Amino acid sequence: MFSEAHFAGILFAPIVLYGLIAAVIFVPIRYWLGRTGFLQWLWHTSLFELSLYICICALVIFIAA
């Protein structure tokens, strides 16, 4: 479990770090899903991407804890 992160004298909550790590994991997965054509088969692409990001963020928090 991370404690606060210090950057330029500003303290960031651990959830910010977890969100950034999840975003780094999410971007290549989203690119790959777009290139394979999987996203075209979905009705609400944005809703799927949001739920995928939330699942990745939850997985990062679960692994870090």
N, C-alpha and C. Protein backbone atom coordinates (compact mmCIF):
# COMPACT_ATOMS: atom_id res chain seq x y z
N MET A 1 0.85 -1.17 0.00
CA MET A 1 0.00 0.00 0.00
C MET A 1 0.90 1.23 0.00
N PHE A 2 0.64 2.12 -0.96
CA PHE A 2 1.42 3.34 -1.05
C PHE A 2 0.92 4.35 -0.02
N SER A 3 1.83 5.21 0.41
CA SER A 3 1.40 6.36 1.20
C SER A 3 1.31 7.54 0.23
N GLU A 4 1.23 8.73 0.74
CA GLU A 4 1.11 9.89 -0.13
C GLU A 4 2.36 10.04 -1.00
N ALA A 5 2.15 10.56 -2.20
CA ALA A 5 3.26 10.82 -3.12
C ALA A 5 3.57 12.32 -3.09
N HIS A 6 4.83 12.65 -3.08
CA HIS A 6 5.27 14.04 -3.07
C HIS A 6 5.75 14.41 -4.47
N PHE A 7 5.20 15.49 -5.02
CA PHE A 7 5.64 15.98 -6.31
C PHE A 7 5.55 17.51 -6.30
N ALA A 8 6.69 18.16 -6.40
CA ALA A 8 6.77 19.63 -6.40
C ALA A 8 6.12 20.22 -5.14
N GLY A 9 6.30 19.55 -4.02
CA GLY A 9 5.77 20.04 -2.77
C GLY A 9 4.28 19.81 -2.57
N ILE A 10 3.66 19.05 -3.44
CA ILE A 10 2.23 18.76 -3.35
C ILE A 10 2.06 17.29 -3.00
N LEU A 11 1.19 17.02 -2.05
CA LEU A 11 0.90 15.64 -1.67
C LEU A 11 -0.28 15.11 -2.49
N PHE A 12 -0.10 13.92 -3.05
CA PHE A 12 -1.16 13.28 -3.81
C PHE A 12 -1.61 12.04 -3.07
N ALA A 13 -2.91 11.79 -3.07
CA ALA A 13 -3.47 10.60 -2.44
C ALA A 13 -3.06 9.36 -3.23
N PRO A 14 -3.01 8.21 -2.58
CA PRO A 14 -2.62 6.99 -3.29
C PRO A 14 -3.55 6.64 -4.45
N ILE A 15 -4.81 7.02 -4.39
CA ILE A 15 -5.74 6.70 -5.48
C ILE A 15 -5.31 7.37 -6.78
N VAL A 16 -4.63 8.50 -6.68
CA VAL A 16 -4.13 9.17 -7.89
C VAL A 16 -3.06 8.32 -8.54
N LEU A 17 -2.16 7.77 -7.74
CA LEU A 17 -1.12 6.89 -8.27
C LEU A 17 -1.72 5.63 -8.88
N TYR A 18 -2.69 5.05 -8.20
CA TYR A 18 -3.35 3.85 -8.72
C TYR A 18 -4.06 4.16 -10.04
N GLY A 19 -4.69 5.32 -10.12
CA GLY A 19 -5.36 5.71 -11.35
C GLY A 19 -4.40 5.90 -12.50
N LEU A 20 -3.23 6.48 -12.22
CA LEU A 20 -2.23 6.65 -13.27
C LEU A 20 -1.66 5.32 -13.74
N ILE A 21 -1.42 4.41 -12.81
CA ILE A 21 -0.93 3.09 -13.18
C ILE A 21 -1.97 2.36 -14.01
N ALA A 22 -3.24 2.47 -13.61
CA ALA A 22 -4.32 1.83 -14.37
C ALA A 22 -4.44 2.44 -15.76
N ALA A 23 -4.22 3.74 -15.89
CA ALA A 23 -4.30 4.39 -17.20
C ALA A 23 -3.18 3.90 -18.12
N VAL A 24 -1.99 3.70 -17.55
CA VAL A 24 -0.87 3.20 -18.34
C VAL A 24 -1.16 1.78 -18.84
N ILE A 25 -1.84 0.99 -18.04
CA ILE A 25 -2.22 -0.37 -18.46
C ILE A 25 -3.39 -0.32 -19.45
N PHE A 26 -4.32 0.61 -19.24
CA PHE A 26 -5.54 0.67 -20.03
C PHE A 26 -5.30 1.11 -21.48
N VAL A 27 -4.41 2.06 -21.68
CA VAL A 27 -4.21 2.63 -23.03
C VAL A 27 -3.78 1.58 -24.05
N PRO A 28 -2.79 0.73 -23.78
CA PRO A 28 -2.46 -0.29 -24.79
C PRO A 28 -3.57 -1.31 -25.01
N ILE A 29 -4.31 -1.65 -23.94
CA ILE A 29 -5.42 -2.59 -24.10
C ILE A 29 -6.50 -1.97 -24.98
N ARG A 30 -6.80 -0.70 -24.77
CA ARG A 30 -7.80 -0.01 -25.58
C ARG A 30 -7.35 0.06 -27.03
N TYR A 31 -6.09 0.35 -27.27
CA TYR A 31 -5.55 0.40 -28.63
C TYR A 31 -5.68 -0.97 -29.29
N TRP A 32 -5.32 -2.02 -28.58
CA TRP A 32 -5.39 -3.37 -29.12
C TRP A 32 -6.83 -3.77 -29.43
N LEU A 33 -7.76 -3.43 -28.56
CA LEU A 33 -9.17 -3.75 -28.81
C LEU A 33 -9.71 -2.99 -30.02
N GLY A 34 -9.24 -1.78 -30.21
CA GLY A 34 -9.66 -1.01 -31.38
C GLY A 34 -9.08 -1.57 -32.67
N ARG A 35 -7.84 -2.01 -32.63
CA ARG A 35 -7.19 -2.56 -33.82
C ARG A 35 -7.77 -3.92 -34.22
N THR A 36 -8.21 -4.70 -33.26
CA THR A 36 -8.77 -6.01 -33.58
C THR A 36 -10.22 -5.92 -34.03
N GLY A 37 -10.86 -4.76 -33.86
CA GLY A 37 -12.24 -4.60 -34.27
C GLY A 37 -13.26 -5.00 -33.22
N PHE A 38 -12.80 -5.33 -32.03
CA PHE A 38 -13.72 -5.75 -30.97
C PHE A 38 -14.65 -4.62 -30.54
N LEU A 39 -14.14 -3.39 -30.52
CA LEU A 39 -14.96 -2.27 -30.05
C LEU A 39 -16.12 -1.96 -30.99
N GLN A 40 -16.05 -2.37 -32.23
CA GLN A 40 -17.14 -2.12 -33.18
C GLN A 40 -18.35 -2.99 -32.90
N TRP A 41 -18.17 -4.08 -32.19
CA TRP A 41 -19.26 -4.99 -31.88
C TRP A 41 -20.06 -4.58 -30.65
N LEU A 42 -19.61 -3.55 -29.96
CA LEU A 42 -20.25 -3.13 -28.71
C LEU A 42 -21.28 -2.04 -28.98
N TRP A 43 -22.32 -2.05 -28.17
CA TRP A 43 -23.36 -1.05 -28.32
C TRP A 43 -22.90 0.29 -27.72
N HIS A 44 -22.42 0.27 -26.48
CA HIS A 44 -21.90 1.46 -25.81
C HIS A 44 -20.41 1.30 -25.59
N THR A 45 -19.64 1.77 -26.54
CA THR A 45 -18.19 1.64 -26.46
C THR A 45 -17.63 2.40 -25.26
N SER A 46 -18.13 3.59 -25.03
CA SER A 46 -17.62 4.40 -23.92
C SER A 46 -17.92 3.75 -22.57
N LEU A 47 -19.09 3.17 -22.44
CA LEU A 47 -19.45 2.49 -21.19
C LEU A 47 -18.56 1.28 -20.97
N PHE A 48 -18.26 0.54 -22.03
CA PHE A 48 -17.36 -0.60 -21.92
C PHE A 48 -15.96 -0.15 -21.52
N GLU A 49 -15.47 0.92 -22.14
CA GLU A 49 -14.13 1.40 -21.81
C GLU A 49 -14.06 1.90 -20.37
N LEU A 50 -15.10 2.57 -19.90
CA LEU A 50 -15.12 3.02 -18.52
C LEU A 50 -15.12 1.84 -17.56
N SER A 51 -15.93 0.84 -17.83
CA SER A 51 -15.98 -0.32 -16.95
C SER A 51 -14.67 -1.10 -16.99
N LEU A 52 -14.03 -1.17 -18.15
CA LEU A 52 -12.73 -1.83 -18.25
C LEU A 52 -11.69 -1.08 -17.43
N TYR A 53 -11.69 0.26 -17.50
CA TYR A 53 -10.76 1.06 -16.72
C TYR A 53 -11.00 0.87 -15.21
N ILE A 54 -12.24 0.84 -14.80
CA ILE A 54 -12.55 0.64 -13.39
C ILE A 54 -12.10 -0.74 -12.92
N CYS A 55 -12.28 -1.75 -13.75
CA CYS A 55 -11.81 -3.09 -13.38
C CYS A 55 -10.29 -3.14 -13.28
N ILE A 56 -9.60 -2.49 -14.19
CA ILE A 56 -8.14 -2.46 -14.13
C ILE A 56 -7.68 -1.70 -12.89
N CYS A 57 -8.33 -0.59 -12.58
CA CYS A 57 -7.98 0.19 -11.39
C CYS A 57 -8.22 -0.63 -10.12
N ALA A 58 -9.33 -1.36 -10.07
CA ALA A 58 -9.61 -2.20 -8.91
C ALA A 58 -8.57 -3.31 -8.78
N LEU A 59 -8.14 -3.86 -9.91
CA LEU A 59 -7.11 -4.90 -9.89
C LEU A 59 -5.77 -4.34 -9.40
N VAL A 60 -5.43 -3.15 -9.82
CA VAL A 60 -4.19 -2.51 -9.36
C VAL A 60 -4.25 -2.27 -7.86
N ILE A 61 -5.37 -1.79 -7.37
CA ILE A 61 -5.51 -1.53 -5.93
C ILE A 61 -5.47 -2.85 -5.16
N PHE A 62 -6.10 -3.88 -5.70
CA PHE A 62 -6.09 -5.20 -5.03
C PHE A 62 -4.67 -5.77 -4.96
N ILE A 63 -3.93 -5.64 -6.03
CA ILE A 63 -2.56 -6.14 -6.03
C ILE A 63 -1.65 -5.33 -5.10
N ALA A 64 -1.86 -4.01 -5.06
CA ALA A 64 -1.02 -3.15 -4.23
C ALA A 64 -1.32 -3.30 -2.74
N ALA A 65 -2.51 -3.72 -2.42
CA ALA A 65 -2.90 -3.79 -1.00
C ALA A 65 -2.51 -5.06 -0.36
